[in-house]
């Protein structure tokens, strides 16, 4: 990928598949101490990202209005991120979730 080319949904899906493989590897590991630390790391990264992504969503909604948010939600990469962080419903084309994500 070049510096001017933005990543597509295929790249996001490839990363998601690899993450799932790595999680499975550590779930099956007999090295309990490492397993515990890896999962704590993942939880902390998720928590930090969830807070930041939620705030970006709030600010964009406040400043950008409905038109901008509709356009952002139509992007498959952004939609994937927003679904992962419970900001929009996966079965809606791009409608918001009715509750705040768990932080």
PDB file of N, CA and C in Angstrom:
ATOM      1  N   UNK A   1       0.845  -1.172   0.000  1.00  0.00           N
ATOM      2  CA  UNK A   1       0.000   0.000   0.000  1.00  0.00           C
ATOM      3  C   UNK A   1       0.892   1.237   0.000  1.00  0.00           C
ATOM      4  N   UNK A   2       0.596   2.209  -0.865  1.00  0.00           N
ATOM      5  CA  UNK A   2       1.379   3.434  -0.924  1.00  0.00           C
ATOM      6  C   UNK A   2       0.914   4.410   0.151  1.00  0.00           C
ATOM      7  N   UNK A   3       1.678   5.490   0.328  1.00  0.00           N
ATOM      8  CA  UNK A   3       1.336   6.481   1.345  1.00  0.00           C
ATOM      9  C   UNK A   3       0.025   7.189   1.043  1.00  0.00           C
ATOM     10  N   UNK A   4      -0.340   7.293  -0.235  1.00  0.00           N
ATOM     11  CA  UNK A   4      -1.567   8.001  -0.606  1.00  0.00           C
ATOM     12  C   UNK A   4      -2.779   7.076  -0.694  1.00  0.00           C
ATOM     13  N   UNK A   5      -2.553   5.802  -0.714  1.00  0.00           N
ATOM     14  CA  UNK A   5      -3.630   4.818  -0.841  1.00  0.00           C
ATOM     15  C   UNK A   5      -4.169   4.478   0.549  1.00  0.00           C
ATOM     16  N   UNK A   6      -5.488   4.547   0.698  1.00  0.00           N
ATOM     17  CA  UNK A   6      -6.049   4.209   2.004  1.00  0.00           C
ATOM     18  C   UNK A   6      -6.389   2.722   2.039  1.00  0.00           C
ATOM     19  N   UNK A   7      -6.293   2.129   3.226  1.00  0.00           N
ATOM     20  CA  UNK A   7      -6.574   0.699   3.346  1.00  0.00           C
ATOM     21  C   UNK A   7      -8.043   0.409   3.065  1.00  0.00           C
ATOM     22  N   UNK A   8      -8.293  -0.731   2.466  1.00  0.00           N
ATOM     23  CA  UNK A   8      -9.653  -1.131   2.149  1.00  0.00           C
ATOM     24  C   UNK A   8     -10.173  -2.167   3.125  1.00  0.00           C
ATOM     25  N   UNK A   9     -11.412  -2.533   2.924  1.00  0.00           N
ATOM     26  CA  UNK A   9     -12.063  -3.498   3.805  1.00  0.00           C
ATOM     27  C   UNK A   9     -11.353  -4.848   3.756  1.00  0.00           C
ATOM     28  N   UNK A  10     -10.744  -5.193   2.615  1.00  0.00           N
ATOM     29  CA  UNK A  10     -10.038  -6.469   2.510  1.00  0.00           C
ATOM     30  C   UNK A  10      -8.875  -6.531   3.503  1.00  0.00           C
ATOM     31  N   UNK A  11      -8.150  -5.427   3.621  1.00  0.00           N
ATOM     32  CA  UNK A  11      -7.025  -5.386   4.550  1.00  0.00           C
ATOM     33  C   UNK A  11      -7.521  -5.493   5.995  1.00  0.00           C
ATOM     34  N   UNK A  12      -8.614  -4.826   6.296  1.00  0.00           N
ATOM     35  CA  UNK A  12      -9.199  -4.897   7.638  1.00  0.00           C
ATOM     36  C   UNK A  12      -9.635  -6.333   7.936  1.00  0.00           C
ATOM     37  N   UNK A  13     -10.263  -6.992   6.964  1.00  0.00           N
ATOM     38  CA  UNK A  13     -10.711  -8.371   7.157  1.00  0.00           C
ATOM     39  C   UNK A  13      -9.526  -9.320   7.337  1.00  0.00           C
ATOM     40  N   UNK A  14      -8.446  -9.089   6.590  1.00  0.00           N
ATOM     41  CA  UNK A  14      -7.234  -9.907   6.754  1.00  0.00           C
ATOM     42  C   UNK A  14      -6.662  -9.738   8.161  1.00  0.00           C
ATOM     43  N   UNK A  15      -6.593  -8.495   8.628  1.00  0.00           N
ATOM     44  CA  UNK A  15      -6.094  -8.250   9.985  1.00  0.00           C
ATOM     45  C   UNK A  15      -6.991  -8.911  11.023  1.00  0.00           C
ATOM     46  N   UNK A  16      -8.300  -8.811  10.836  1.00  0.00           N
ATOM     47  CA  UNK A  16      -9.243  -9.416  11.784  1.00  0.00           C
ATOM     48  C   UNK A  16      -9.055 -10.928  11.838  1.00  0.00           C
ATOM     49  N   UNK A  17      -8.854 -11.542  10.685  1.00  0.00           N
ATOM     50  CA  UNK A  17      -8.641 -12.991  10.648  1.00  0.00           C
ATOM     51  C   UNK A  17      -7.353 -13.374  11.365  1.00  0.00           C
ATOM     52  N   UNK A  18      -6.301 -12.593  11.150  1.00  0.00           N
ATOM     53  CA  UNK A  18      -5.026 -12.892  11.818  1.00  0.00           C
ATOM     54  C   UNK A  18      -5.141 -12.684  13.320  1.00  0.00           C
ATOM     55  N   UNK A  19      -5.827 -11.642  13.743  1.00  0.00           N
ATOM     56  CA  UNK A  19      -6.043 -11.408  15.174  1.00  0.00           C
ATOM     57  C   UNK A  19      -6.783 -12.589  15.781  1.00  0.00           C
ATOM     58  N   UNK A  20      -7.802 -13.086  15.095  1.00  0.00           N
ATOM     59  CA  UNK A  20      -8.553 -14.247  15.598  1.00  0.00           C
ATOM     60  C   UNK A  20      -7.638 -15.465  15.741  1.00  0.00           C
ATOM     61  N   UNK A  21      -6.742 -15.679  14.770  1.00  0.00           N
ATOM     62  CA  UNK A  21      -5.791 -16.788  14.863  1.00  0.00           C
ATOM     63  C   UNK A  21      -4.880 -16.632  16.077  1.00  0.00           C
ATOM     64  N   UNK A  22      -4.367 -15.430  16.286  1.00  0.00           N
ATOM     65  CA  UNK A  22      -3.471 -15.185  17.415  1.00  0.00           C
ATOM     66  C   UNK A  22      -4.186 -15.351  18.751  1.00  0.00           C
ATOM     67  N   UNK A  23      -5.407 -14.870  18.846  1.00  0.00           N
ATOM     68  CA  UNK A  23      -6.181 -15.029  20.083  1.00  0.00           C
ATOM     69  C   UNK A  23      -6.391 -16.511  20.363  1.00  0.00           C
ATOM     70  N   UNK A  24      -6.748 -17.276  19.328  1.00  0.00           N
ATOM     71  CA  UNK A  24      -6.949 -18.717  19.501  1.00  0.00           C
ATOM     72  C   UNK A  24      -5.655 -19.381  19.986  1.00  0.00           C
ATOM     73  N   UNK A  25      -4.539 -18.964  19.406  1.00  0.00           N
ATOM     74  CA  UNK A  25      -3.243 -19.515  19.819  1.00  0.00           C
ATOM     75  C   UNK A  25      -3.022 -19.295  21.314  1.00  0.00           C
ATOM     76  N   UNK A  26      -3.251 -18.078  21.779  1.00  0.00           N
ATOM     77  CA  UNK A  26      -3.016 -17.786  23.191  1.00  0.00           C
ATOM     78  C   UNK A  26      -4.067 -18.416  24.093  1.00  0.00           C
ATOM     79  N   UNK A  27      -5.281 -18.581  23.595  1.00  0.00           N
ATOM     80  CA  UNK A  27      -6.310 -19.279  24.377  1.00  0.00           C
ATOM     81  C   UNK A  27      -5.915 -20.726  24.627  1.00  0.00           C
ATOM     82  N   UNK A  28      -5.264 -21.331  23.648  1.00  0.00           N
ATOM     83  CA  UNK A  28      -4.874 -22.734  23.745  1.00  0.00           C
ATOM     84  C   UNK A  28      -3.513 -22.937  24.409  1.00  0.00           C
ATOM     85  N   UNK A  29      -2.835 -21.847  24.708  1.00  0.00           N
ATOM     86  CA  UNK A  29      -1.501 -21.927  25.305  1.00  0.00           C
ATOM     87  C   UNK A  29      -1.566 -22.500  26.715  1.00  0.00           C
ATOM     88  N   UNK A  30      -0.520 -23.241  27.066  1.00  0.00           N
ATOM     89  CA  UNK A  30      -0.408 -23.786  28.424  1.00  0.00           C
ATOM     90  C   UNK A  30       0.450 -22.875  29.304  1.00  0.00           C
ATOM     91  N   UNK A  31       0.969 -21.818  28.712  1.00  0.00           N
ATOM     92  CA  UNK A  31       1.762 -20.847  29.460  1.00  0.00           C
ATOM     93  C   UNK A  31       0.790 -19.837  30.072  1.00  0.00           C
ATOM     94  N   UNK A  32       0.268 -20.195  31.246  1.00  0.00           N
ATOM     95  CA  UNK A  32      -0.829 -19.432  31.856  1.00  0.00           C
ATOM     96  C   UNK A  32      -0.435 -18.004  32.187  1.00  0.00           C
ATOM     97  N   UNK A  33       0.791 -17.789  32.636  1.00  0.00           N
ATOM     98  CA  UNK A  33       1.217 -16.436  32.995  1.00  0.00           C
ATOM     99  C   UNK A  33       1.243 -15.530  31.761  1.00  0.00           C
ATOM    100  N   UNK A  34       1.812 -16.029  30.676  1.00  0.00           N
ATOM    101  CA  UNK A  34       1.841 -15.255  29.442  1.00  0.00           C
ATOM    102  C   UNK A  34       0.431 -15.042  28.917  1.00  0.00           C
ATOM    103  N   UNK A  35      -0.369 -16.085  28.949  1.00  0.00           N
ATOM    104  CA  UNK A  35      -1.748 -15.982  28.493  1.00  0.00           C
ATOM    105  C   UNK A  35      -2.496 -14.882  29.259  1.00  0.00           C
ATOM    106  N   UNK A  36      -2.345 -14.870  30.566  1.00  0.00           N
ATOM    107  CA  UNK A  36      -3.009 -13.871  31.398  1.00  0.00           C
ATOM    108  C   UNK A  36      -2.563 -12.452  31.032  1.00  0.00           C
ATOM    109  N   UNK A  37      -1.265 -12.268  30.818  1.00  0.00           N
ATOM    110  CA  UNK A  37      -0.743 -10.948  30.468  1.00  0.00           C
ATOM    111  C   UNK A  37      -1.172 -10.512  29.069  1.00  0.00           C
ATOM    112  N   UNK A  38      -1.206 -11.439  28.139  1.00  0.00           N
ATOM    113  CA  UNK A  38      -1.640 -11.110  26.779  1.00  0.00           C
ATOM    114  C   UNK A  38      -3.100 -10.654  26.792  1.00  0.00           C
ATOM    115  N   UNK A  39      -3.953 -11.361  27.528  1.00  0.00           N
ATOM    116  CA  UNK A  39      -5.361 -10.995  27.555  1.00  0.00           C
ATOM    117  C   UNK A  39      -5.597  -9.703  28.336  1.00  0.00           C
ATOM    118  N   UNK A  40      -4.794  -9.455  29.351  1.00  0.00           N
ATOM    119  CA  UNK A  40      -4.892  -8.159  30.031  1.00  0.00           C
ATOM    120  C   UNK A  40      -4.492  -7.044  29.074  1.00  0.00           C
ATOM    121  N   UNK A  41      -3.421  -7.255  28.321  1.00  0.00           N
ATOM    122  CA  UNK A  41      -2.984  -6.283  27.328  1.00  0.00           C
ATOM    123  C   UNK A  41      -4.096  -5.991  26.326  1.00  0.00           C
ATOM    124  N   UNK A  42      -4.713  -7.049  25.787  1.00  0.00           N
ATOM    125  CA  UNK A  42      -5.795  -6.869  24.819  1.00  0.00           C
ATOM    126  C   UNK A  42      -6.973  -6.104  25.419  1.00  0.00           C
ATOM    127  N   UNK A  43      -7.332  -6.423  26.650  1.00  0.00           N
ATOM    128  CA  UNK A  43      -8.435  -5.723  27.311  1.00  0.00           C
ATOM    129  C   UNK A  43      -8.122  -4.245  27.498  1.00  0.00           C
ATOM    130  N   UNK A  44      -6.905  -3.935  27.893  1.00  0.00           N
ATOM    131  CA  UNK A  44      -6.528  -2.541  28.115  1.00  0.00           C
ATOM    132  C   UNK A  44      -6.475  -1.767  26.800  1.00  0.00           C
ATOM    133  N   UNK A  45      -5.956  -2.370  25.743  1.00  0.00           N
ATOM    134  CA  UNK A  45      -5.934  -1.721  24.434  1.00  0.00           C
ATOM    135  C   UNK A  45      -7.365  -1.488  23.952  1.00  0.00           C
ATOM    136  N   UNK A  46      -8.220  -2.497  24.097  1.00  0.00           N
ATOM    137  CA  UNK A  46      -9.614  -2.354  23.695  1.00  0.00           C
ATOM    138  C   UNK A  46     -10.286  -1.218  24.459  1.00  0.00           C
ATOM    139  N   UNK A  47     -10.079  -1.164  25.753  1.00  0.00           N
ATOM    140  CA  UNK A  47     -10.696  -0.128  26.580  1.00  0.00           C
ATOM    141  C   UNK A  47     -10.235   1.261  26.147  1.00  0.00           C
ATOM    142  N   UNK A  48      -8.935   1.425  25.952  1.00  0.00           N
ATOM    143  CA  UNK A  48      -8.396   2.713  25.531  1.00  0.00           C
ATOM    144  C   UNK A  48      -8.949   3.111  24.162  1.00  0.00           C
ATOM    145  N   UNK A  49      -8.937   2.186  23.218  1.00  0.00           N
ATOM    146  CA  UNK A  49      -9.461   2.481  21.879  1.00  0.00           C
ATOM    147  C   UNK A  49     -10.946   2.789  21.924  1.00  0.00           C
ATOM    148  N   UNK A  50     -11.692   2.035  22.733  1.00  0.00           N
ATOM    149  CA  UNK A  50     -13.139   2.236  22.830  1.00  0.00           C
ATOM    150  C   UNK A  50     -13.452   3.664  23.293  1.00  0.00           C
ATOM    151  N   UNK A  51     -12.735   4.137  24.286  1.00  0.00           N
ATOM    152  CA  UNK A  51     -12.943   5.498  24.783  1.00  0.00           C
ATOM    153  C   UNK A  51     -12.613   6.522  23.694  1.00  0.00           C
ATOM    154  N   UNK A  52     -11.478   6.342  23.028  1.00  0.00           N
ATOM    155  CA  UNK A  52     -11.055   7.291  21.994  1.00  0.00           C
ATOM    156  C   UNK A  52     -11.988   7.279  20.788  1.00  0.00           C
ATOM    157  N   UNK A  53     -12.351   6.103  20.314  1.00  0.00           N
ATOM    158  CA  UNK A  53     -13.237   6.007  19.152  1.00  0.00           C
ATOM    159  C   UNK A  53     -14.610   6.584  19.488  1.00  0.00           C
ATOM    160  N   UNK A  54     -15.109   6.300  20.689  1.00  0.00           N
ATOM    161  CA  UNK A  54     -16.405   6.852  21.100  1.00  0.00           C
ATOM    162  C   UNK A  54     -16.357   8.380  21.099  1.00  0.00           C
ATOM    163  N   UNK A  55     -15.250   8.952  21.587  1.00  0.00           N
ATOM    164  CA  UNK A  55     -15.133  10.412  21.624  1.00  0.00           C
ATOM    165  C   UNK A  55     -15.055  10.988  20.221  1.00  0.00           C
ATOM    166  N   UNK A  56     -14.311  10.354  19.328  1.00  0.00           N
ATOM    167  CA  UNK A  56     -14.263  10.804  17.927  1.00  0.00           C
ATOM    168  C   UNK A  56     -15.672  10.791  17.338  1.00  0.00           C
ATOM    169  N   UNK A  57     -16.411   9.737  17.608  1.00  0.00           N
ATOM    170  CA  UNK A  57     -17.784   9.614  17.115  1.00  0.00           C
ATOM    171  C   UNK A  57     -18.640  10.763  17.657  1.00  0.00           C
ATOM    172  N   UNK A  58     -18.537  11.050  18.951  1.00  0.00           N
ATOM    173  CA  UNK A  58     -19.322  12.134  19.555  1.00  0.00           C
ATOM    174  C   UNK A  58     -18.979  13.480  18.931  1.00  0.00           C
ATOM    175  N   UNK A  59     -17.689  13.796  18.826  1.00  0.00           N
ATOM    176  CA  UNK A  59     -17.269  15.085  18.287  1.00  0.00           C
ATOM    177  C   UNK A  59     -17.688  15.219  16.827  1.00  0.00           C
ATOM    178  N   UNK A  60     -17.509  14.158  16.056  1.00  0.00           N
ATOM    179  CA  UNK A  60     -17.900  14.187  14.643  1.00  0.00           C
ATOM    180  C   UNK A  60     -19.399  14.395  14.508  1.00  0.00           C
ATOM    181  N   UNK A  61     -20.168  13.738  15.352  1.00  0.00           N
ATOM    182  CA  UNK A  61     -21.624  13.901  15.320  1.00  0.00           C
ATOM    183  C   UNK A  61     -22.000  15.336  15.681  1.00  0.00           C
ATOM    184  N   UNK A  62     -21.377  15.878  16.717  1.00  0.00           N
ATOM    185  CA  UNK A  62     -21.674  17.244  17.158  1.00  0.00           C
ATOM    186  C   UNK A  62     -21.291  18.273  16.108  1.00  0.00           C
ATOM    187  N   UNK A  63     -20.120  18.137  15.523  1.00  0.00           N
ATOM    188  CA  UNK A  63     -19.601  19.158  14.622  1.00  0.00           C
ATOM    189  C   UNK A  63     -19.962  18.936  13.158  1.00  0.00           C
ATOM    190  N   UNK A  64     -20.135  17.682  12.779  1.00  0.00           N
ATOM    191  CA  UNK A  64     -20.340  17.374  11.371  1.00  0.00           C
ATOM    192  C   UNK A  64     -21.784  17.283  10.936  1.00  0.00           C
ATOM    193  N   UNK A  65     -22.664  17.043  11.859  1.00  0.00           N
ATOM    194  CA  UNK A  65     -24.068  16.940  11.517  1.00  0.00           C
ATOM    195  C   UNK A  65     -24.428  15.618  10.866  1.00  0.00           C
ATOM    196  N   UNK A  66     -25.688  15.503  10.527  1.00  0.00           N
ATOM    197  CA  UNK A  66     -26.238  14.261   9.989  1.00  0.00           C
ATOM    198  C   UNK A  66     -25.629  13.862   8.658  1.00  0.00           C
ATOM    199  N   UNK A  67     -25.424  14.808   7.758  1.00  0.00           N
ATOM    200  CA  UNK A  67     -24.886  14.483   6.435  1.00  0.00           C
ATOM    201  C   UNK A  67     -23.510  13.860   6.498  1.00  0.00           C
ATOM    202  N   UNK A  68     -22.645  14.456   7.302  1.00  0.00           N
ATOM    203  CA  UNK A  68     -21.297  13.912   7.448  1.00  0.00           C
ATOM    204  C   UNK A  68     -21.341  12.531   8.084  1.00  0.00           C
ATOM    205  N   UNK A  69     -22.136  12.376   9.129  1.00  0.00           N
ATOM    206  CA  UNK A  69     -22.220  11.076   9.800  1.00  0.00           C
ATOM    207  C   UNK A  69     -22.799  10.006   8.872  1.00  0.00           C
ATOM    208  N   UNK A  70     -23.789  10.370   8.065  1.00  0.00           N
ATOM    209  CA  UNK A  70     -24.334   9.401   7.107  1.00  0.00           C
ATOM    210  C   UNK A  70     -23.249   8.946   6.140  1.00  0.00           C
ATOM    211  N   UNK A  71     -22.448   9.885   5.653  1.00  0.00           N
ATOM    212  CA  UNK A  71     -21.374   9.544   4.711  1.00  0.00           C
ATOM    213  C   UNK A  71     -20.312   8.677   5.381  1.00  0.00           C
ATOM    214  N   UNK A  72     -19.922   9.030   6.597  1.00  0.00           N
ATOM    215  CA  UNK A  72     -18.915   8.259   7.324  1.00  0.00           C
ATOM    216  C   UNK A  72     -19.400   6.837   7.559  1.00  0.00           C
ATOM    217  N   UNK A  73     -20.650   6.680   7.929  1.00  0.00           N
ATOM    218  CA  UNK A  73     -21.199   5.347   8.217  1.00  0.00           C
ATOM    219  C   UNK A  73     -21.305   4.475   6.979  1.00  0.00           C
ATOM    220  N   UNK A  74     -21.264   5.068   5.796  1.00  0.00           N
ATOM    221  CA  UNK A  74     -21.347   4.292   4.562  1.00  0.00           C
ATOM    222  C   UNK A  74     -20.001   3.704   4.161  1.00  0.00           C
ATOM    223  N   UNK A  75     -18.922   4.212   4.720  1.00  0.00           N
ATOM    224  CA  UNK A  75     -17.592   3.692   4.414  1.00  0.00           C
ATOM    225  C   UNK A  75     -17.436   2.330   5.091  1.00  0.00           C
ATOM    226  N   UNK A  76     -17.124   1.261   4.348  1.00  0.00           N
ATOM    227  CA  UNK A  76     -17.080  -0.075   4.950  1.00  0.00           C
ATOM    228  C   UNK A  76     -16.020  -0.234   6.038  1.00  0.00           C
ATOM    229  N   UNK A  77     -14.889   0.459   5.919  1.00  0.00           N
ATOM    230  CA  UNK A  77     -13.846   0.352   6.936  1.00  0.00           C
ATOM    231  C   UNK A  77     -14.294   1.044   8.220  1.00  0.00           C
ATOM    232  N   UNK A  78     -14.829   2.255   8.089  1.00  0.00           N
ATOM    233  CA  UNK A  78     -15.306   2.984   9.262  1.00  0.00           C
ATOM    234  C   UNK A  78     -16.498   2.268   9.875  1.00  0.00           C
ATOM    235  N   UNK A  79     -17.386   1.743   9.036  1.00  0.00           N
ATOM    236  CA  UNK A  79     -18.541   1.011   9.567  1.00  0.00           C
ATOM    237  C   UNK A  79     -18.070  -0.188  10.399  1.00  0.00           C
ATOM    238  N   UNK A  80     -17.053  -0.895   9.909  1.00  0.00           N
ATOM    239  CA  UNK A  80     -16.511  -2.035  10.654  1.00  0.00           C
ATOM    240  C   UNK A  80     -16.023  -1.580  12.029  1.00  0.00           C
ATOM    241  N   UNK A  81     -15.279  -0.483  12.070  1.00  0.00           N
ATOM    242  CA  UNK A  81     -14.779   0.039  13.340  1.00  0.00           C
ATOM    243  C   UNK A  81     -15.931   0.426  14.262  1.00  0.00           C
ATOM    244  N   UNK A  82     -16.918   1.141  13.728  1.00  0.00           N
ATOM    245  CA  UNK A  82     -18.044   1.583  14.547  1.00  0.00           C
ATOM    246  C   UNK A  82     -18.875   0.401  15.043  1.00  0.00           C
ATOM    247  N   UNK A  83     -19.008  -0.640  14.246  1.00  0.00           N
ATOM    248  CA  UNK A  83     -19.729  -1.841  14.693  1.00  0.00           C
ATOM    249  C   UNK A  83     -18.936  -2.525  15.805  1.00  0.00           C
ATOM    250  N   UNK A  84     -17.620  -2.647  15.634  1.00  0.00           N
ATOM    251  CA  UNK A  84     -16.785  -3.288  16.655  1.00  0.00           C
ATOM    252  C   UNK A  84     -16.870  -2.573  18.001  1.00  0.00           C
ATOM    253  N   UNK A  85     -17.049  -1.261  17.953  1.00  0.00           N
ATOM    254  CA  UNK A  85     -17.116  -0.480  19.190  1.00  0.00           C
ATOM    255  C   UNK A  85     -18.551  -0.114  19.564  1.00  0.00           C
ATOM    256  N   UNK A  86     -19.518  -0.849  19.024  1.00  0.00           N
ATOM    257  CA  UNK A  86     -20.931  -0.705  19.385  1.00  0.00           C
ATOM    258  C   UNK A  86     -21.482   0.700  19.158  1.00  0.00           C
ATOM    259  N   UNK A  87     -20.974   1.389  18.148  1.00  0.00           N
ATOM    260  CA  UNK A  87     -21.469   2.722  17.840  1.00  0.00           C
ATOM    261  C   UNK A  87     -22.604   2.692  16.828  1.00  0.00           C
ATOM    262  N   UNK A  88     -22.598   1.686  15.967  1.00  0.00           N
ATOM    263  CA  UNK A  88     -23.717   1.472  15.048  1.00  0.00           C
ATOM    264  C   UNK A  88     -24.058  -0.005  15.045  1.00  0.00           C
ATOM    265  N   UNK A  89     -25.272  -0.277  14.658  1.00  0.00           N
ATOM    266  CA  UNK A  89     -25.762  -1.650  14.627  1.00  0.00           C
ATOM    267  C   UNK A  89     -25.233  -2.371  13.388  1.00  0.00           C
ATOM    268  N   UNK A  90     -24.788  -3.622  13.534  1.00  0.00           N
ATOM    269  CA  UNK A  90     -24.277  -4.346  12.366  1.00  0.00           C
ATOM    270  C   UNK A  90     -25.344  -4.660  11.324  1.00  0.00           C
ATOM    271  N   UNK A  91     -26.613  -4.779  11.730  1.00  0.00           N
ATOM    272  CA  UNK A  91     -27.648  -5.135  10.761  1.00  0.00           C
ATOM    273  C   UNK A  91     -28.327  -3.924  10.149  1.00  0.00           C
ATOM    274  N   UNK A  92     -27.984  -2.750  10.584  1.00  0.00           N
ATOM    275  CA  UNK A  92     -28.515  -1.533   9.985  1.00  0.00           C
ATOM    276  C   UNK A  92     -27.538  -1.062   8.922  1.00  0.00           C
ATOM    277  N   UNK A  93     -28.012  -0.518   7.811  1.00  0.00           N
ATOM    278  CA  UNK A  93     -27.075  -0.052   6.798  1.00  0.00           C
ATOM    279  C   UNK A  93     -26.095   0.986   7.351  1.00  0.00           C
ATOM    280  N   UNK A  94     -26.573   1.859   8.218  1.00  0.00           N
ATOM    281  CA  UNK A  94     -25.684   2.814   8.873  1.00  0.00           C
ATOM    282  C   UNK A  94     -26.387   3.605   9.962  1.00  0.00           C
ATOM    283  N   UNK A  95     -27.366   3.007  10.597  1.00  0.00           N
ATOM    284  CA  UNK A  95     -28.049   3.692  11.686  1.00  0.00           C
ATOM    285  C   UNK A  95     -27.310   3.547  12.995  1.00  0.00           C
ATOM    286  N   UNK A  96     -27.506   4.507  13.903  1.00  0.00           N
ATOM    287  CA  UNK A  96     -26.802   4.461  15.186  1.00  0.00           C
ATOM    288  C   UNK A  96     -27.380   3.425  16.130  1.00  0.00           C
ATOM    289  N   UNK A  97     -26.564   2.956  17.022  1.00  0.00           N
ATOM    290  CA  UNK A  97     -27.010   2.097  18.111  1.00  0.00           C
ATOM    291  C   UNK A  97     -27.687   3.004  19.124  1.00  0.00           C
ATOM    292  N   UNK A  98     -28.688   2.494  19.814  1.00  0.00           N
ATOM    293  CA  UNK A  98     -29.457   3.324  20.722  1.00  0.00           C
ATOM    294  C   UNK A  98     -28.856   3.459  22.112  1.00  0.00           C
ATOM    295  N   UNK A  99     -27.687   2.904  22.348  1.00  0.00           N
ATOM    296  CA  UNK A  99     -27.075   2.992  23.668  1.00  0.00           C
ATOM    297  C   UNK A  99     -25.604   3.324  23.522  1.00  0.00           C
ATOM    298  N   UNK A 100     -25.045   3.880  24.593  1.00  0.00           N
ATOM    299  CA  UNK A 100     -23.608   4.146  24.587  1.00  0.00           C
ATOM    300  C   UNK A 100     -22.868   2.847  24.793  1.00  0.00           C
ATOM    301  N   UNK A 101     -21.674   2.706  24.218  1.00  0.00           N
ATOM    302  CA  UNK A 101     -20.904   1.478  24.427  1.00  0.00           C
ATOM    303  C   UNK A 101     -20.437   1.386  25.857  1.00  0.00           C
ATOM    304  N   UNK A 102     -20.163   0.162  26.279  1.00  0.00           N
ATOM    305  CA  UNK A 102     -19.605  -0.064  27.612  1.00  0.00           C
ATOM    306  C   UNK A 102     -18.144   0.352  27.595  1.00  0.00           C
ATOM    307  N   UNK A 103     -17.791   1.262  28.500  1.00  0.00           N
ATOM    308  CA  UNK A 103     -16.401   1.748  28.548  1.00  0.00           C
ATOM    309  C   UNK A 103     -15.649   1.155  29.678  1.00  0.00           C
TER     310      UNK A 103
END
